[in-house]
Amino acid sequence: MNDIKQQILEALQQIPKGKVMTYKTMADKFKVHPRKVAMTMKHNEHPDVYPCYKVISHSGKIGWYSGKNGIHGKVEMLKADGIEIVDGKIDTRFII
């Protein structure tokens, strides 16, 4: 696996419970395009190890999820983390 992809995946493990990060913030951190982050999330073979559901769009929208149960699964996991979702968006107080 590409080193940058592995670093992005490992960074997911550092996002605390009850918080999310945006594709843009993650991309800025690794000096890559947000699409690179999105593709890394899409091809995450171990979402139970690397919690890619914790990455959302810059606008606060939940975005897409290719893991178990699709977007509904992502919403369930975010809510289980204590993250409030209103009209398909996450309040900025949950975003790091």
N, C-alpha and C. Protein backbone atom coordinates (compact mmCIF):
# COMPACT_ATOMS: atom_id res chain seq x y z
N MET A 1 0.85 -1.19 0.00
CA MET A 1 0.00 0.00 0.00
C MET A 1 0.89 1.24 0.00
N ASN A 2 0.44 2.23 -0.70
CA ASN A 2 1.11 3.51 -0.78
C ASN A 2 1.24 4.11 0.63
N ASP A 3 2.43 4.65 0.95
CA ASP A 3 2.67 5.21 2.28
C ASP A 3 1.66 6.28 2.67
N ILE A 4 1.33 7.19 1.75
CA ILE A 4 0.41 8.27 2.08
C ILE A 4 -0.99 7.71 2.38
N LYS A 5 -1.40 6.70 1.64
CA LYS A 5 -2.70 6.07 1.91
C LYS A 5 -2.71 5.45 3.30
N GLN A 6 -1.63 4.78 3.66
CA GLN A 6 -1.55 4.17 4.98
C GLN A 6 -1.55 5.24 6.07
N GLN A 7 -0.86 6.34 5.83
CA GLN A 7 -0.84 7.44 6.81
C GLN A 7 -2.24 8.04 6.98
N ILE A 8 -2.96 8.19 5.88
CA ILE A 8 -4.33 8.72 5.94
C ILE A 8 -5.21 7.76 6.75
N LEU A 9 -5.10 6.47 6.46
CA LEU A 9 -5.89 5.49 7.20
C LEU A 9 -5.56 5.51 8.69
N GLU A 10 -4.29 5.59 9.01
CA GLU A 10 -3.89 5.60 10.42
C GLU A 10 -4.36 6.87 11.12
N ALA A 11 -4.44 7.97 10.38
CA ALA A 11 -4.93 9.23 10.97
C ALA A 11 -6.40 9.09 11.40
N LEU A 12 -7.15 8.23 10.74
CA LEU A 12 -8.54 8.00 11.12
C LEU A 12 -8.64 7.50 12.55
N GLN A 13 -7.67 6.71 12.95
CA GLN A 13 -7.68 6.13 14.30
C GLN A 13 -7.44 7.20 15.37
N GLN A 14 -6.95 8.37 14.97
CA GLN A 14 -6.67 9.44 15.92
C GLN A 14 -7.85 10.39 16.11
N ILE A 15 -8.90 10.23 15.30
CA ILE A 15 -10.08 11.07 15.45
C ILE A 15 -10.84 10.58 16.68
N PRO A 16 -10.99 11.44 17.69
CA PRO A 16 -11.66 11.00 18.92
C PRO A 16 -13.14 10.67 18.72
N LYS A 17 -13.64 9.82 19.59
CA LYS A 17 -15.07 9.50 19.58
C LYS A 17 -15.85 10.80 19.77
N GLY A 18 -16.91 10.96 19.00
CA GLY A 18 -17.72 12.17 19.10
C GLY A 18 -17.23 13.30 18.20
N LYS A 19 -16.23 13.02 17.39
CA LYS A 19 -15.69 14.02 16.47
C LYS A 19 -15.56 13.43 15.07
N VAL A 20 -15.58 14.31 14.08
CA VAL A 20 -15.35 13.93 12.69
C VAL A 20 -14.33 14.89 12.10
N MET A 21 -13.84 14.56 10.93
CA MET A 21 -12.91 15.41 10.22
C MET A 21 -13.41 15.52 8.77
N THR A 22 -13.12 16.61 8.12
CA THR A 22 -13.55 16.77 6.73
C THR A 22 -12.50 16.22 5.77
N TYR A 23 -12.95 15.89 4.57
CA TYR A 23 -12.01 15.46 3.53
C TYR A 23 -10.97 16.55 3.30
N LYS A 24 -11.42 17.80 3.30
CA LYS A 24 -10.51 18.92 3.05
C LYS A 24 -9.45 19.05 4.14
N THR A 25 -9.86 18.96 5.40
CA THR A 25 -8.90 19.06 6.50
C THR A 25 -7.89 17.92 6.43
N MET A 26 -8.39 16.73 6.18
CA MET A 26 -7.50 15.58 6.06
C MET A 26 -6.54 15.76 4.87
N ALA A 27 -7.05 16.24 3.77
CA ALA A 27 -6.22 16.47 2.58
C ALA A 27 -5.15 17.52 2.87
N ASP A 28 -5.53 18.60 3.53
CA ASP A 28 -4.57 19.66 3.87
C ASP A 28 -3.46 19.10 4.76
N LYS A 29 -3.85 18.26 5.69
CA LYS A 29 -2.89 17.66 6.62
C LYS A 29 -1.81 16.87 5.89
N PHE A 30 -2.22 16.18 4.82
CA PHE A 30 -1.29 15.33 4.08
C PHE A 30 -0.84 15.93 2.74
N LYS A 31 -1.26 17.17 2.50
CA LYS A 31 -0.88 17.89 1.28
C LYS A 31 -1.23 17.11 0.01
N VAL A 32 -2.49 16.64 0.00
CA VAL A 32 -3.03 15.93 -1.16
C VAL A 32 -4.39 16.55 -1.49
N HIS A 33 -4.93 16.17 -2.63
CA HIS A 33 -6.25 16.64 -3.03
C HIS A 33 -7.31 15.88 -2.21
N PRO A 34 -8.42 16.53 -1.85
CA PRO A 34 -9.48 15.84 -1.11
C PRO A 34 -9.97 14.56 -1.80
N ARG A 35 -9.89 14.52 -3.12
CA ARG A 35 -10.31 13.29 -3.83
C ARG A 35 -9.40 12.12 -3.50
N LYS A 36 -8.13 12.39 -3.23
CA LYS A 36 -7.20 11.32 -2.83
C LYS A 36 -7.68 10.73 -1.49
N VAL A 37 -8.10 11.61 -0.59
CA VAL A 37 -8.63 11.14 0.69
C VAL A 37 -9.90 10.33 0.46
N ALA A 38 -10.78 10.84 -0.40
CA ALA A 38 -12.04 10.16 -0.69
C ALA A 38 -11.79 8.77 -1.28
N MET A 39 -10.84 8.68 -2.19
CA MET A 39 -10.54 7.38 -2.80
C MET A 39 -9.93 6.42 -1.77
N THR A 40 -9.14 6.95 -0.86
CA THR A 40 -8.57 6.12 0.20
C THR A 40 -9.70 5.57 1.08
N MET A 41 -10.68 6.42 1.38
CA MET A 41 -11.83 5.96 2.17
C MET A 41 -12.62 4.90 1.40
N LYS A 42 -12.84 5.16 0.13
CA LYS A 42 -13.63 4.24 -0.71
C LYS A 42 -13.00 2.85 -0.77
N HIS A 43 -11.68 2.80 -0.80
CA HIS A 43 -10.99 1.52 -0.93
C HIS A 43 -10.46 0.97 0.40
N ASN A 44 -10.96 1.52 1.49
CA ASN A 44 -10.58 1.05 2.82
C ASN A 44 -11.11 -0.38 3.00
N GLU A 45 -10.22 -1.33 3.06
CA GLU A 45 -10.62 -2.73 3.18
C GLU A 45 -10.91 -3.14 4.63
N HIS A 46 -10.59 -2.27 5.57
CA HIS A 46 -10.76 -2.60 6.98
C HIS A 46 -11.44 -1.45 7.74
N PRO A 47 -12.71 -1.17 7.40
CA PRO A 47 -13.39 -0.06 8.08
C PRO A 47 -13.58 -0.28 9.58
N ASP A 48 -13.47 -1.52 10.02
CA ASP A 48 -13.55 -1.80 11.46
C ASP A 48 -12.26 -1.38 12.17
N VAL A 49 -11.16 -1.31 11.43
CA VAL A 49 -9.87 -0.89 11.98
C VAL A 49 -9.63 0.60 11.72
N TYR A 50 -9.97 1.03 10.51
CA TYR A 50 -9.77 2.43 10.09
C TYR A 50 -11.16 3.06 9.88
N PRO A 51 -11.67 3.79 10.87
CA PRO A 51 -13.05 4.28 10.85
C PRO A 51 -13.30 5.41 9.85
N CYS A 52 -13.42 5.03 8.59
CA CYS A 52 -13.60 6.03 7.53
C CYS A 52 -14.95 6.74 7.59
N TYR A 53 -15.88 6.21 8.37
CA TYR A 53 -17.18 6.88 8.51
C TYR A 53 -17.03 8.23 9.20
N LYS A 54 -15.88 8.48 9.82
CA LYS A 54 -15.65 9.74 10.55
C LYS A 54 -15.19 10.87 9.64
N VAL A 55 -15.21 10.66 8.33
CA VAL A 55 -14.80 11.71 7.39
C VAL A 55 -16.04 12.19 6.64
N ILE A 56 -16.23 13.51 6.63
CA ILE A 56 -17.42 14.11 6.02
C ILE A 56 -17.00 15.21 5.05
N SER A 57 -17.95 15.74 4.32
CA SER A 57 -17.65 16.83 3.39
C SER A 57 -17.40 18.13 4.16
N HIS A 58 -16.71 19.05 3.51
CA HIS A 58 -16.35 20.34 4.09
C HIS A 58 -17.59 21.14 4.50
N SER A 59 -18.69 20.92 3.81
CA SER A 59 -19.93 21.65 4.10
C SER A 59 -20.65 21.13 5.35
N GLY A 60 -20.16 20.02 5.89
CA GLY A 60 -20.82 19.40 7.04
C GLY A 60 -21.77 18.29 6.66
N LYS A 61 -21.99 18.13 5.34
CA LYS A 61 -22.86 17.03 4.89
C LYS A 61 -22.15 15.71 5.13
N ILE A 62 -22.94 14.71 5.38
CA ILE A 62 -22.40 13.39 5.71
C ILE A 62 -21.59 12.80 4.56
N GLY A 63 -22.03 13.00 3.35
CA GLY A 63 -21.31 12.44 2.21
C GLY A 63 -21.71 11.00 1.96
N TRP A 64 -20.92 10.33 1.19
CA TRP A 64 -21.20 8.97 0.78
C TRP A 64 -20.47 8.00 1.68
N TYR A 65 -20.87 6.74 1.68
CA TYR A 65 -20.19 5.72 2.48
C TYR A 65 -20.30 4.39 1.77
N SER A 66 -19.15 3.76 1.53
CA SER A 66 -19.15 2.49 0.81
C SER A 66 -19.09 1.28 1.75
N GLY A 67 -19.11 1.53 3.04
CA GLY A 67 -19.06 0.45 4.02
C GLY A 67 -20.41 -0.22 4.22
N LYS A 68 -20.47 -1.04 5.25
CA LYS A 68 -21.67 -1.82 5.55
C LYS A 68 -22.90 -0.91 5.70
N ASN A 69 -23.95 -1.27 5.02
CA ASN A 69 -25.25 -0.56 5.04
C ASN A 69 -25.19 0.84 4.46
N GLY A 70 -24.14 1.15 3.70
CA GLY A 70 -24.06 2.43 3.00
C GLY A 70 -24.24 3.63 3.91
N ILE A 71 -24.90 4.64 3.40
CA ILE A 71 -25.08 5.89 4.13
C ILE A 71 -25.84 5.68 5.43
N HIS A 72 -26.78 4.75 5.44
CA HIS A 72 -27.54 4.47 6.67
C HIS A 72 -26.62 3.91 7.75
N GLY A 73 -25.68 3.08 7.34
CA GLY A 73 -24.69 2.55 8.28
C GLY A 73 -23.81 3.65 8.84
N LYS A 74 -23.42 4.59 7.97
CA LYS A 74 -22.58 5.71 8.42
C LYS A 74 -23.34 6.56 9.44
N VAL A 75 -24.59 6.86 9.14
CA VAL A 75 -25.41 7.65 10.06
C VAL A 75 -25.53 6.94 11.40
N GLU A 76 -25.78 5.64 11.38
CA GLU A 76 -25.91 4.88 12.63
C GLU A 76 -24.63 4.96 13.47
N MET A 77 -23.47 4.80 12.80
CA MET A 77 -22.20 4.83 13.53
C MET A 77 -21.91 6.22 14.09
N LEU A 78 -22.22 7.27 13.30
CA LEU A 78 -22.01 8.64 13.79
C LEU A 78 -22.88 8.91 15.00
N LYS A 79 -24.14 8.51 14.93
CA LYS A 79 -25.05 8.71 16.07
C LYS A 79 -24.58 7.91 17.29
N ALA A 80 -24.07 6.70 17.06
CA ALA A 80 -23.55 5.89 18.16
C ALA A 80 -22.35 6.56 18.83
N ASP A 81 -21.64 7.38 18.07
CA ASP A 81 -20.51 8.15 18.62
C ASP A 81 -20.97 9.42 19.34
N GLY A 82 -22.28 9.69 19.32
CA GLY A 82 -22.79 10.88 19.98
C GLY A 82 -22.83 12.12 19.09
N ILE A 83 -22.69 11.92 17.81
CA ILE A 83 -22.69 13.04 16.87
C ILE A 83 -24.12 13.30 16.41
N GLU A 84 -24.53 14.53 16.54
CA GLU A 84 -25.89 14.92 16.15
C GLU A 84 -25.92 15.28 14.67
N ILE A 85 -26.94 14.79 13.99
CA ILE A 85 -27.12 15.05 12.57
C ILE A 85 -28.47 15.71 12.39
N VAL A 86 -28.47 16.90 11.81
CA VAL A 86 -29.70 17.64 11.58
C VAL A 86 -29.78 17.98 10.10
N ASP A 87 -30.86 17.54 9.46
CA ASP A 87 -31.06 17.77 8.03
C ASP A 87 -29.86 17.30 7.20
N GLY A 88 -29.30 16.16 7.56
CA GLY A 88 -28.20 15.58 6.80
C GLY A 88 -26.86 16.25 7.00
N LYS A 89 -26.77 17.12 8.00
CA LYS A 89 -25.51 17.83 8.26
C LYS A 89 -25.08 17.66 9.71
N ILE A 90 -23.79 17.81 9.90
CA ILE A 90 -23.20 17.72 11.23
C ILE A 90 -22.78 19.11 11.66
N ASP A 91 -23.17 19.48 12.87
CA ASP A 91 -22.82 20.79 13.42
C ASP A 91 -21.31 20.92 13.55
N THR A 92 -20.81 22.14 13.35
CA THR A 92 -19.36 22.38 13.39
C THR A 92 -18.72 22.04 14.72
N ARG A 93 -19.48 21.99 15.79
CA ARG A 93 -18.86 21.66 17.09
C ARG A 93 -18.36 20.22 17.15
N PHE A 94 -18.79 19.39 16.21
CA PHE A 94 -18.32 18.00 16.15
C PHE A 94 -17.16 17.80 15.18
N ILE A 95 -16.78 18.87 14.48
CA ILE A 95 -15.76 18.77 13.43
C ILE A 95 -14.41 19.26 13.95
N ILE A 96 -13.39 18.44 13.77
CA ILE A 96 -12.03 18.87 14.14
C ILE A 96 -11.22 19.19 12.90
